Amino acid sequence: MEGCPRLPMLSFDLKSCVESINLCEKIPSVNNYFSLIKKSGDKYSSECEQINRLRQNVVNASADQVGVQILKKYYCQLRLLRNRFPMLPETECAVRFTWYYL
């Protein structure tokens, strides 16, 4: 995690995501994106499952140091994905998540 930017320690209200999202199914355009760069999206199914498990851990993260580490790891992974895929709003691989205040 050396490449991850340091996060300032701010207090914020917790949010929860009630919908169960499988990122592999949520981003069908990723397979289209892989076909453009001449790769098969099926080769990355285990990595996609790892991201899904990490996301589930984030949704159920505790409010302690371990939970903060899980959140930071997920944040870093999303930043890495954003650098590799056009995931910004209104782009082909954009994914929307709905979070609710607890």
PDB file of N, CA and C in Angstrom:
ATOM      1  N   MET A   1       0.805  -1.185   0.000  1.00  0.00           N
ATOM      2  CA  MET A   1       0.000   0.000   0.000  1.00  0.00           C
ATOM      3  C   MET A   1       0.853   1.256   0.000  1.00  0.00           C
ATOM      4  N   GLU A   2       2.085   1.145  -0.417  1.00  0.00           N
ATOM      5  CA  GLU A   2       2.975   2.287  -0.426  1.00  0.00           C
ATOM      6  C   GLU A   2       2.502   3.336  -1.421  1.00  0.00           C
ATOM      7  N   GLY A   3       1.857   2.902  -2.508  1.00  0.00           N
ATOM      8  CA  GLY A   3       1.422   3.835  -3.533  1.00  0.00           C
ATOM      9  C   GLY A   3       0.126   4.545  -3.203  1.00  0.00           C
ATOM     10  N   CYS A   4      -0.528   4.145  -2.139  1.00  0.00           N
ATOM     11  CA  CYS A   4      -1.805   4.746  -1.762  1.00  0.00           C
ATOM     12  C   CYS A   4      -1.565   6.070  -1.044  1.00  0.00           C
ATOM     13  N   PRO A   5      -2.327   7.098  -1.401  1.00  0.00           N
ATOM     14  CA  PRO A   5      -2.138   8.371  -0.704  1.00  0.00           C
ATOM     15  C   PRO A   5      -2.554   8.264   0.757  1.00  0.00           C
ATOM     16  N   ARG A   6      -1.891   9.037   1.597  1.00  0.00           N
ATOM     17  CA  ARG A   6      -2.254   9.046   3.020  1.00  0.00           C
ATOM     18  C   ARG A   6      -3.600   9.737   3.176  1.00  0.00           C
ATOM     19  N   LEU A   7      -4.449   9.135   3.978  1.00  0.00           N
ATOM     20  CA  LEU A   7      -5.768   9.696   4.205  1.00  0.00           C
ATOM     21  C   LEU A   7      -5.786  10.492   5.504  1.00  0.00           C
ATOM     22  N   PRO A   8      -6.331  11.692   5.469  1.00  0.00           N
ATOM     23  CA  PRO A   8      -6.441  12.433   6.726  1.00  0.00           C
ATOM     24  C   PRO A   8      -7.477  11.769   7.624  1.00  0.00           C
ATOM     25  N   MET A   9      -7.283  11.847   8.910  1.00  0.00           N
ATOM     26  CA  MET A   9      -8.210  11.236   9.853  1.00  0.00           C
ATOM     27  C   MET A   9      -9.332  12.221  10.157  1.00  0.00           C
ATOM     28  N   LEU A  10     -10.446  12.039   9.497  1.00  0.00           N
ATOM     29  CA  LEU A  10     -11.611  12.885   9.680  1.00  0.00           C
ATOM     30  C   LEU A  10     -12.741  12.054  10.267  1.00  0.00           C
ATOM     31  N   SER A  11     -13.595  12.684  11.013  1.00  0.00           N
ATOM     32  CA  SER A  11     -14.772  12.014  11.551  1.00  0.00           C
ATOM     33  C   SER A  11     -15.908  12.167  10.541  1.00  0.00           C
ATOM     34  N   PHE A  12     -16.606  11.100  10.266  1.00  0.00           N
ATOM     35  CA  PHE A  12     -17.721  11.154   9.333  1.00  0.00           C
ATOM     36  C   PHE A  12     -18.771  10.142   9.757  1.00  0.00           C
ATOM     37  N   ASP A  13     -19.993  10.383   9.321  1.00  0.00           N
ATOM     38  CA  ASP A  13     -21.083   9.460   9.608  1.00  0.00           C
ATOM     39  C   ASP A  13     -20.926   8.218   8.744  1.00  0.00           C
ATOM     40  N   LEU A  14     -21.214   7.071   9.335  1.00  0.00           N
ATOM     41  CA  LEU A  14     -21.120   5.827   8.585  1.00  0.00           C
ATOM     42  C   LEU A  14     -22.265   5.718   7.596  1.00  0.00           C
ATOM     43  N   LYS A  15     -21.987   5.077   6.489  1.00  0.00           N
ATOM     44  CA  LYS A  15     -23.007   4.807   5.484  1.00  0.00           C
ATOM     45  C   LYS A  15     -23.068   3.307   5.273  1.00  0.00           C
ATOM     46  N   SER A  16     -24.175   2.865   4.754  1.00  0.00           N
ATOM     47  CA  SER A  16     -24.350   1.441   4.498  1.00  0.00           C
ATOM     48  C   SER A  16     -24.909   1.261   3.098  1.00  0.00           C
ATOM     49  N   CYS A  17     -24.528   0.202   2.458  1.00  0.00           N
ATOM     50  CA  CYS A  17     -25.060  -0.144   1.145  1.00  0.00           C
ATOM     51  C   CYS A  17     -25.885  -1.411   1.326  1.00  0.00           C
ATOM     52  N   VAL A  18     -27.178  -1.312   1.093  1.00  0.00           N
ATOM     53  CA  VAL A  18     -28.046  -2.457   1.342  1.00  0.00           C
ATOM     54  C   VAL A  18     -28.139  -3.390   0.143  1.00  0.00           C
ATOM     55  N   GLU A  19     -27.811  -2.889  -1.028  1.00  0.00           N
ATOM     56  CA  GLU A  19     -27.898  -3.746  -2.206  1.00  0.00           C
ATOM     57  C   GLU A  19     -26.642  -4.601  -2.326  1.00  0.00           C
ATOM     58  N   SER A  20     -26.850  -5.858  -2.653  1.00  0.00           N
ATOM     59  CA  SER A  20     -25.725  -6.761  -2.868  1.00  0.00           C
ATOM     60  C   SER A  20     -25.333  -6.663  -4.337  1.00  0.00           C
ATOM     61  N   ILE A  21     -24.121  -6.228  -4.582  1.00  0.00           N
ATOM     62  CA  ILE A  21     -23.687  -5.975  -5.956  1.00  0.00           C
ATOM     63  C   ILE A  21     -22.549  -6.908  -6.315  1.00  0.00           C
ATOM     64  N   ASN A  22     -22.696  -7.577  -7.438  1.00  0.00           N
ATOM     65  CA  ASN A  22     -21.616  -8.359  -8.004  1.00  0.00           C
ATOM     66  C   ASN A  22     -20.989  -7.497  -9.094  1.00  0.00           C
ATOM     67  N   LEU A  23     -19.787  -7.023  -8.857  1.00  0.00           N
ATOM     68  CA  LEU A  23     -19.158  -6.113  -9.811  1.00  0.00           C
ATOM     69  C   LEU A  23     -18.964  -6.747 -11.176  1.00  0.00           C
ATOM     70  N   CYS A  24     -18.772  -8.059 -11.216  1.00  0.00           N
ATOM     71  CA  CYS A  24     -18.586  -8.735 -12.505  1.00  0.00           C
ATOM     72  C   CYS A  24     -19.849  -8.617 -13.354  1.00  0.00           C
ATOM     73  N   GLU A  25     -21.016  -8.664 -12.706  1.00  0.00           N
ATOM     74  CA  GLU A  25     -22.274  -8.537 -13.436  1.00  0.00           C
ATOM     75  C   GLU A  25     -22.659  -7.082 -13.641  1.00  0.00           C
ATOM     76  N   LYS A  26     -22.236  -6.235 -12.726  1.00  0.00           N
ATOM     77  CA  LYS A  26     -22.610  -4.819 -12.774  1.00  0.00           C
ATOM     78  C   LYS A  26     -21.885  -4.087 -13.902  1.00  0.00           C
ATOM     79  N   ILE A  27     -20.748  -4.594 -14.310  1.00  0.00           N
ATOM     80  CA  ILE A  27     -19.951  -3.912 -15.328  1.00  0.00           C
ATOM     81  C   ILE A  27     -19.843  -4.791 -16.582  1.00  0.00           C
ATOM     82  N   PRO A  28     -20.948  -4.981 -17.296  1.00  0.00           N
ATOM     83  CA  PRO A  28     -20.836  -5.788 -18.515  1.00  0.00           C
ATOM     84  C   PRO A  28     -19.965  -5.120 -19.562  1.00  0.00           C
ATOM     85  N   SER A  29     -19.858  -3.809 -19.497  1.00  0.00           N
ATOM     86  CA  SER A  29     -19.047  -3.102 -20.482  1.00  0.00           C
ATOM     87  C   SER A  29     -17.557  -3.350 -20.298  1.00  0.00           C
ATOM     88  N   VAL A  30     -17.153  -3.886 -19.134  1.00  0.00           N
ATOM     89  CA  VAL A  30     -15.737  -4.194 -18.935  1.00  0.00           C
ATOM     90  C   VAL A  30     -15.302  -5.282 -19.912  1.00  0.00           C
ATOM     91  N   ASN A  31     -16.157  -6.294 -20.116  1.00  0.00           N
ATOM     92  CA  ASN A  31     -15.819  -7.330 -21.094  1.00  0.00           C
ATOM     93  C   ASN A  31     -15.697  -6.729 -22.489  1.00  0.00           C
ATOM     94  N   ASN A  32     -16.560  -5.769 -22.815  1.00  0.00           N
ATOM     95  CA  ASN A  32     -16.440  -5.079 -24.103  1.00  0.00           C
ATOM     96  C   ASN A  32     -15.123  -4.310 -24.170  1.00  0.00           C
ATOM     97  N   TYR A  33     -14.755  -3.708 -23.055  1.00  0.00           N
ATOM     98  CA  TYR A  33     -13.497  -2.963 -22.989  1.00  0.00           C
ATOM     99  C   TYR A  33     -12.314  -3.900 -23.192  1.00  0.00           C
ATOM    100  N   PHE A  34     -12.362  -5.084 -22.551  1.00  0.00           N
ATOM    101  CA  PHE A  34     -11.296  -6.068 -22.746  1.00  0.00           C
ATOM    102  C   PHE A  34     -11.210  -6.505 -24.202  1.00  0.00           C
ATOM    103  N   SER A  35     -12.350  -6.658 -24.862  1.00  0.00           N
ATOM    104  CA  SER A  35     -12.315  -7.078 -26.263  1.00  0.00           C
ATOM    105  C   SER A  35     -11.651  -6.015 -27.139  1.00  0.00           C
ATOM    106  N   LEU A  36     -11.781  -4.745 -26.754  1.00  0.00           N
ATOM    107  CA  LEU A  36     -11.117  -3.681 -27.513  1.00  0.00           C
ATOM    108  C   LEU A  36      -9.602  -3.762 -27.408  1.00  0.00           C
ATOM    109  N   ILE A  37      -9.117  -4.221 -26.236  1.00  0.00           N
ATOM    110  CA  ILE A  37      -7.669  -4.317 -26.061  1.00  0.00           C
ATOM    111  C   ILE A  37      -7.173  -5.750 -26.286  1.00  0.00           C
ATOM    112  N   LYS A  38      -8.021  -6.554 -26.919  1.00  0.00           N
ATOM    113  CA  LYS A  38      -7.660  -7.912 -27.351  1.00  0.00           C
ATOM    114  C   LYS A  38      -7.350  -8.852 -26.184  1.00  0.00           C
ATOM    115  N   LYS A  39      -8.126  -8.748 -25.102  1.00  0.00           N
ATOM    116  CA  LYS A  39      -7.972  -9.666 -23.981  1.00  0.00           C
ATOM    117  C   LYS A  39      -9.338 -10.210 -23.605  1.00  0.00           C
ATOM    118  N   SER A  40      -9.348 -11.344 -22.960  1.00  0.00           N
ATOM    119  CA  SER A  40     -10.596 -11.961 -22.526  1.00  0.00           C
ATOM    120  C   SER A  40     -10.889 -11.563 -21.084  1.00  0.00           C
ATOM    121  N   GLY A  41     -12.112 -11.099 -20.841  1.00  0.00           N
ATOM    122  CA  GLY A  41     -12.515 -10.741 -19.487  1.00  0.00           C
ATOM    123  C   GLY A  41     -12.605 -11.943 -18.573  1.00  0.00           C
ATOM    124  N   ASP A  42     -12.781 -13.142 -19.151  1.00  0.00           N
ATOM    125  CA  ASP A  42     -12.874 -14.360 -18.342  1.00  0.00           C
ATOM    126  C   ASP A  42     -11.561 -14.661 -17.622  1.00  0.00           C
ATOM    127  N   LYS A  43     -10.453 -14.187 -18.172  1.00  0.00           N
ATOM    128  CA  LYS A  43      -9.155 -14.435 -17.536  1.00  0.00           C
ATOM    129  C   LYS A  43      -9.039 -13.730 -16.193  1.00  0.00           C
ATOM    130  N   TYR A  44      -9.885 -12.735 -15.964  1.00  0.00           N
ATOM    131  CA  TYR A  44      -9.793 -11.924 -14.754  1.00  0.00           C
ATOM    132  C   TYR A  44     -10.934 -12.192 -13.776  1.00  0.00           C
ATOM    133  N   SER A  45     -11.588 -13.332 -13.910  1.00  0.00           N
ATOM    134  CA  SER A  45     -12.731 -13.625 -13.040  1.00  0.00           C
ATOM    135  C   SER A  45     -12.311 -13.782 -11.581  1.00  0.00           C
ATOM    136  N   SER A  46     -11.139 -14.374 -11.316  1.00  0.00           N
ATOM    137  CA  SER A  46     -10.711 -14.529  -9.920  1.00  0.00           C
ATOM    138  C   SER A  46     -10.407 -13.165  -9.296  1.00  0.00           C
ATOM    139  N   GLU A  47      -9.825 -12.247 -10.061  1.00  0.00           N
ATOM    140  CA  GLU A  47      -9.564 -10.906  -9.551  1.00  0.00           C
ATOM    141  C   GLU A  47     -10.869 -10.166  -9.278  1.00  0.00           C
ATOM    142  N   CYS A  48     -11.841 -10.384 -10.146  1.00  0.00           N
ATOM    143  CA  CYS A  48     -13.144  -9.759  -9.955  1.00  0.00           C
ATOM    144  C   CYS A  48     -13.807 -10.294  -8.686  1.00  0.00           C
ATOM    145  N   GLU A  49     -13.676 -11.576  -8.439  1.00  0.00           N
ATOM    146  CA  GLU A  49     -14.225 -12.165  -7.211  1.00  0.00           C
ATOM    147  C   GLU A  49     -13.515 -11.614  -5.977  1.00  0.00           C
ATOM    148  N   GLN A  50     -12.215 -11.382  -6.076  1.00  0.00           N
ATOM    149  CA  GLN A  50     -11.483 -10.794  -4.945  1.00  0.00           C
ATOM    150  C   GLN A  50     -12.001  -9.388  -4.637  1.00  0.00           C
ATOM    151  N   ILE A  51     -12.269  -8.607  -5.669  1.00  0.00           N
ATOM    152  CA  ILE A  51     -12.828  -7.264  -5.464  1.00  0.00           C
ATOM    153  C   ILE A  51     -14.214  -7.363  -4.839  1.00  0.00           C
ATOM    154  N   ASN A  52     -15.014  -8.341  -5.290  1.00  0.00           N
ATOM    155  CA  ASN A  52     -16.347  -8.523  -4.709  1.00  0.00           C
ATOM    156  C   ASN A  52     -16.263  -8.881  -3.229  1.00  0.00           C
ATOM    157  N   ARG A  53     -15.333  -9.768  -2.870  1.00  0.00           N
ATOM    158  CA  ARG A  53     -15.171 -10.138  -1.454  1.00  0.00           C
ATOM    159  C   ARG A  53     -14.698  -8.944  -0.634  1.00  0.00           C
ATOM    160  N   LEU A  54     -13.781  -8.176  -1.196  1.00  0.00           N
ATOM    161  CA  LEU A  54     -13.295  -6.992  -0.501  1.00  0.00           C
ATOM    162  C   LEU A  54     -14.428  -5.987  -0.303  1.00  0.00           C
ATOM    163  N   ARG A  55     -15.279  -5.837  -1.297  1.00  0.00           N
ATOM    164  CA  ARG A  55     -16.415  -4.926  -1.174  1.00  0.00           C
ATOM    165  C   ARG A  55     -17.370  -5.399  -0.084  1.00  0.00           C
ATOM    166  N   GLN A  56     -17.626  -6.697  -0.025  1.00  0.00           N
ATOM    167  CA  GLN A  56     -18.488  -7.224   1.040  1.00  0.00           C
ATOM    168  C   GLN A  56     -17.867  -6.960   2.407  1.00  0.00           C
ATOM    169  N   ASN A  57     -16.553  -7.099   2.519  1.00  0.00           N
ATOM    170  CA  ASN A  57     -15.877  -6.804   3.783  1.00  0.00           C
ATOM    171  C   ASN A  57     -16.017  -5.331   4.150  1.00  0.00           C
ATOM    172  N   VAL A  58     -15.992  -4.458   3.150  1.00  0.00           N
ATOM    173  CA  VAL A  58     -16.136  -3.028   3.404  1.00  0.00           C
ATOM    174  C   VAL A  58     -17.548  -2.711   3.883  1.00  0.00           C
ATOM    175  N   VAL A  59     -18.534  -3.320   3.252  1.00  0.00           N
ATOM    176  CA  VAL A  59     -19.922  -3.076   3.649  1.00  0.00           C
ATOM    177  C   VAL A  59     -20.140  -3.493   5.101  1.00  0.00           C
ATOM    178  N   ASN A  60     -19.455  -4.550   5.541  1.00  0.00           N
ATOM    179  CA  ASN A  60     -19.606  -5.055   6.905  1.00  0.00           C
ATOM    180  C   ASN A  60     -18.440  -4.665   7.810  1.00  0.00           C
ATOM    181  N   ALA A  61     -17.679  -3.645   7.440  1.00  0.00           N
ATOM    182  CA  ALA A  61     -16.484  -3.265   8.208  1.00  0.00           C
ATOM    183  C   ALA A  61     -16.861  -2.746   9.594  1.00  0.00           C
ATOM    184  N   SER A  62     -16.034  -3.085  10.557  1.00  0.00           N
ATOM    185  CA  SER A  62     -16.244  -2.615  11.927  1.00  0.00           C
ATOM    186  C   SER A  62     -15.645  -1.217  12.087  1.00  0.00           C
ATOM    187  N   ALA A  63     -16.059  -0.534  13.133  1.00  0.00           N
ATOM    188  CA  ALA A  63     -15.582   0.830  13.388  1.00  0.00           C
ATOM    189  C   ALA A  63     -14.358   0.797  14.295  1.00  0.00           C
ATOM    190  N   ASP A  64     -13.300   0.124  13.840  1.00  0.00           N
ATOM    191  CA  ASP A  64     -12.055   0.062  14.597  1.00  0.00           C
ATOM    192  C   ASP A  64     -10.889   0.101  13.616  1.00  0.00           C
ATOM    193  N   GLN A  65      -9.692  -0.134  14.103  1.00  0.00           N
ATOM    194  CA  GLN A  65      -8.494  -0.051  13.261  1.00  0.00           C
ATOM    195  C   GLN A  65      -8.534  -1.060  12.111  1.00  0.00           C
ATOM    196  N   VAL A  66      -9.036  -2.255  12.370  1.00  0.00           N
ATOM    197  CA  VAL A  66      -9.124  -3.274  11.315  1.00  0.00           C
ATOM    198  C   VAL A  66     -10.087  -2.811  10.223  1.00  0.00           C
ATOM    199  N   GLY A  67     -11.213  -2.235  10.624  1.00  0.00           N
ATOM    200  CA  GLY A  67     -12.169  -1.715   9.654  1.00  0.00           C
ATOM    201  C   GLY A  67     -11.577  -0.606   8.807  1.00  0.00           C
ATOM    202  N   VAL A  68     -10.780   0.255   9.427  1.00  0.00           N
ATOM    203  CA  VAL A  68     -10.120   1.339   8.689  1.00  0.00           C
ATOM    204  C   VAL A  68      -9.138   0.764   7.669  1.00  0.00           C
ATOM    205  N   GLN A  69      -8.419  -0.281   8.042  1.00  0.00           N
ATOM    206  CA  GLN A  69      -7.476  -0.907   7.109  1.00  0.00           C
ATOM    207  C   GLN A  69      -8.214  -1.514   5.918  1.00  0.00           C
ATOM    208  N   ILE A  70      -9.359  -2.132   6.176  1.00  0.00           N
ATOM    209  CA  ILE A  70     -10.155  -2.718   5.090  1.00  0.00           C
ATOM    210  C   ILE A  70     -10.662  -1.613   4.168  1.00  0.00           C
ATOM    211  N   LEU A  71     -11.166  -0.532   4.748  1.00  0.00           N
ATOM    212  CA  LEU A  71     -11.648   0.595   3.943  1.00  0.00           C
ATOM    213  C   LEU A  71     -10.531   1.198   3.098  1.00  0.00           C
ATOM    214  N   LYS A  72      -9.352   1.328   3.682  1.00  0.00           N
ATOM    215  CA  LYS A  72      -8.215   1.896   2.952  1.00  0.00           C
ATOM    216  C   LYS A  72      -7.802   0.979   1.802  1.00  0.00           C
ATOM    217  N   LYS A  73      -7.800  -0.317   2.044  1.00  0.00           N
ATOM    218  CA  LYS A  73      -7.436  -1.262   0.986  1.00  0.00           C
ATOM    219  C   LYS A  73      -8.434  -1.184  -0.169  1.00  0.00           C
ATOM    220  N   TYR A  74      -9.722  -1.121   0.152  1.00  0.00           N
ATOM    221  CA  TYR A  74     -10.755  -1.027  -0.881  1.00  0.00           C
ATOM    222  C   TYR A  74     -10.613   0.282  -1.661  1.00  0.00           C
ATOM    223  N   TYR A  75     -10.370   1.366  -0.945  1.00  0.00           N
ATOM    224  CA  TYR A  75     -10.178   2.666  -1.581  1.00  0.00           C
ATOM    225  C   TYR A  75      -9.007   2.620  -2.564  1.00  0.00           C
ATOM    226  N   CYS A  76      -7.913   2.025  -2.141  1.00  0.00           N
ATOM    227  CA  CYS A  76      -6.728   1.917  -3.008  1.00  0.00           C
ATOM    228  C   CYS A  76      -7.030   1.074  -4.242  1.00  0.00           C
ATOM    229  N   GLN A  77      -7.772  -0.014  -4.072  1.00  0.00           N
ATOM    230  CA  GLN A  77      -8.113  -0.860  -5.212  1.00  0.00           C
ATOM    231  C   GLN A  77      -9.005  -0.112  -6.198  1.00  0.00           C
ATOM    232  N   LEU A  78      -9.967   0.658  -5.683  1.00  0.00           N
ATOM    233  CA  LEU A  78     -10.825   1.440  -6.578  1.00  0.00           C
ATOM    234  C   LEU A  78     -10.023   2.491  -7.335  1.00  0.00           C
ATOM    235  N   ARG A  79      -9.061   3.102  -6.670  1.00  0.00           N
ATOM    236  CA  ARG A  79      -8.205   4.082  -7.359  1.00  0.00           C
ATOM    237  C   ARG A  79      -7.380   3.405  -8.455  1.00  0.00           C
ATOM    238  N   LEU A  80      -6.875   2.205  -8.178  1.00  0.00           N
ATOM    239  CA  LEU A  80      -6.124   1.477  -9.204  1.00  0.00           C
ATOM    240  C   LEU A  80      -7.021   1.109 -10.379  1.00  0.00           C
ATOM    241  N   LEU A  81      -8.248   0.674 -10.084  1.00  0.00           N
ATOM    242  CA  LEU A  81      -9.182   0.341 -11.159  1.00  0.00           C
ATOM    243  C   LEU A  81      -9.518   1.575 -11.989  1.00  0.00           C
ATOM    244  N   ARG A  82      -9.675   2.701 -11.320  1.00  0.00           N
ATOM    245  CA  ARG A  82     -10.005   3.933 -12.033  1.00  0.00           C
ATOM    246  C   ARG A  82      -8.887   4.328 -12.993  1.00  0.00           C
ATOM    247  N   ASN A  83      -7.653   4.005 -12.642  1.00  0.00           N
ATOM    248  CA  ASN A  83      -6.530   4.309 -13.531  1.00  0.00           C
ATOM    249  C   ASN A  83      -6.493   3.390 -14.745  1.00  0.00           C
ATOM    250  N   ARG A  84      -7.105   2.211 -14.646  1.00  0.00           N
ATOM    251  CA  ARG A  84      -7.032   1.234 -15.732  1.00  0.00           C
ATOM    252  C   ARG A  84      -8.286   1.185 -16.598  1.00  0.00           C
ATOM    253  N   PHE A  85      -9.421   1.598 -16.038  1.00  0.00           N
ATOM    254  CA  PHE A  85     -10.689   1.547 -16.758  1.00  0.00           C
ATOM    255  C   PHE A  85     -11.350   2.920 -16.727  1.00  0.00           C
ATOM    256  N   PRO A  86     -12.083   3.255 -17.791  1.00  0.00           N
ATOM    257  CA  PRO A  86     -12.806   4.534 -17.802  1.00  0.00           C
ATOM    258  C   PRO A  86     -14.047   4.447 -16.912  1.00  0.00           C
ATOM    259  N   MET A  87     -13.875   4.633 -15.595  1.00  0.00           N
ATOM    260  CA  MET A  87     -14.957   4.428 -14.634  1.00  0.00           C
ATOM    261  C   MET A  87     -15.581   5.725 -14.134  1.00  0.00           C
ATOM    262  N   LEU A  88     -15.174   6.855 -14.652  1.00  0.00           N
ATOM    263  CA  LEU A  88     -15.755   8.118 -14.211  1.00  0.00           C
ATOM    264  C   LEU A  88     -17.203   8.201 -14.689  1.00  0.00           C
ATOM    265  N   PRO A  89     -18.026   9.053 -14.052  1.00  0.00           N
ATOM    266  CA  PRO A  89     -19.430   9.161 -14.473  1.00  0.00           C
ATOM    267  C   PRO A  89     -19.544   9.452 -15.965  1.00  0.00           C
ATOM    268  N   GLU A  90     -20.550   8.867 -16.563  1.00  0.00           N
ATOM    269  CA  GLU A  90     -20.839   9.044 -17.989  1.00  0.00           C
ATOM    270  C   GLU A  90     -19.786   8.431 -18.904  1.00  0.00           C
ATOM    271  N   THR A  91     -19.010   7.472 -18.406  1.00  0.00           N
ATOM    272  CA  THR A  91     -18.084   6.739 -19.269  1.00  0.00           C
ATOM    273  C   THR A  91     -18.571   5.306 -19.380  1.00  0.00           C
ATOM    274  N   GLU A  92     -17.949   4.533 -20.254  1.00  0.00           N
ATOM    275  CA  GLU A  92     -18.480   3.210 -20.563  1.00  0.00           C
ATOM    276  C   GLU A  92     -18.403   2.209 -19.420  1.00  0.00           C
ATOM    277  N   CYS A  93     -17.503   2.356 -18.489  1.00  0.00           N
ATOM    278  CA  CYS A  93     -17.379   1.405 -17.381  1.00  0.00           C
ATOM    279  C   CYS A  93     -17.850   1.993 -16.051  1.00  0.00           C
ATOM    280  N   ALA A  94     -18.631   3.050 -16.101  1.00  0.00           N
ATOM    281  CA  ALA A  94     -19.091   3.697 -14.865  1.00  0.00           C
ATOM    282  C   ALA A  94     -20.017   2.765 -14.087  1.00  0.00           C
ATOM    283  N   VAL A  95     -19.856   2.754 -12.777  1.00  0.00           N
ATOM    284  CA  VAL A  95     -20.696   1.946 -11.890  1.00  0.00           C
ATOM    285  C   VAL A  95     -21.241   2.862 -10.809  1.00  0.00           C
ATOM    286  N   ARG A  96     -22.538   2.792 -10.582  1.00  0.00           N
ATOM    287  CA  ARG A  96     -23.161   3.603  -9.536  1.00  0.00           C
ATOM    288  C   ARG A  96     -23.483   2.720  -8.345  1.00  0.00           C
ATOM    289  N   PHE A  97     -23.155   3.215  -7.161  1.00  0.00           N
ATOM    290  CA  PHE A  97     -23.499   2.551  -5.911  1.00  0.00           C
ATOM    291  C   PHE A  97     -24.395   3.488  -5.118  1.00  0.00           C
ATOM    292  N   THR A  98     -25.371   2.930  -4.447  1.00  0.00           N
ATOM    293  CA  THR A  98     -26.248   3.721  -3.600  1.00  0.00           C
ATOM    294  C   THR A  98     -25.919   3.420  -2.153  1.00  0.00           C
ATOM    295  N   TRP A  99     -25.498   4.450  -1.420  1.00  0.00           N
ATOM    296  CA  TRP A  99     -25.146   4.306  -0.010  1.00  0.00           C
ATOM    297  C   TRP A  99     -26.169   5.058   0.820  1.00  0.00           C
ATOM    298  N   TYR A 100     -26.452   4.541   1.992  1.00  0.00           N
ATOM    299  CA  TYR A 100     -27.433   5.139   2.896  1.00  0.00           C
ATOM    300  C   TYR A 100     -26.777   5.452   4.225  1.00  0.00           C
ATOM    301  N   TYR A 101     -27.196   6.554   4.845  1.00  0.00           N
ATOM    302  CA  TYR A 101     -26.696   6.889   6.182  1.00  0.00           C
ATOM    303  C   TYR A 101     -27.269   5.911   7.188  1.00  0.00           C
ATOM    304  N   LEU A 102     -26.454   5.507   8.155  1.00  0.00           N
ATOM    305  CA  LEU A 102     -26.921   4.609   9.215  1.00  0.00           C
ATOM    306  C   LEU A 102     -27.680   5.384  10.265  1.00  0.00           C
TER     307      LEU A 102
END
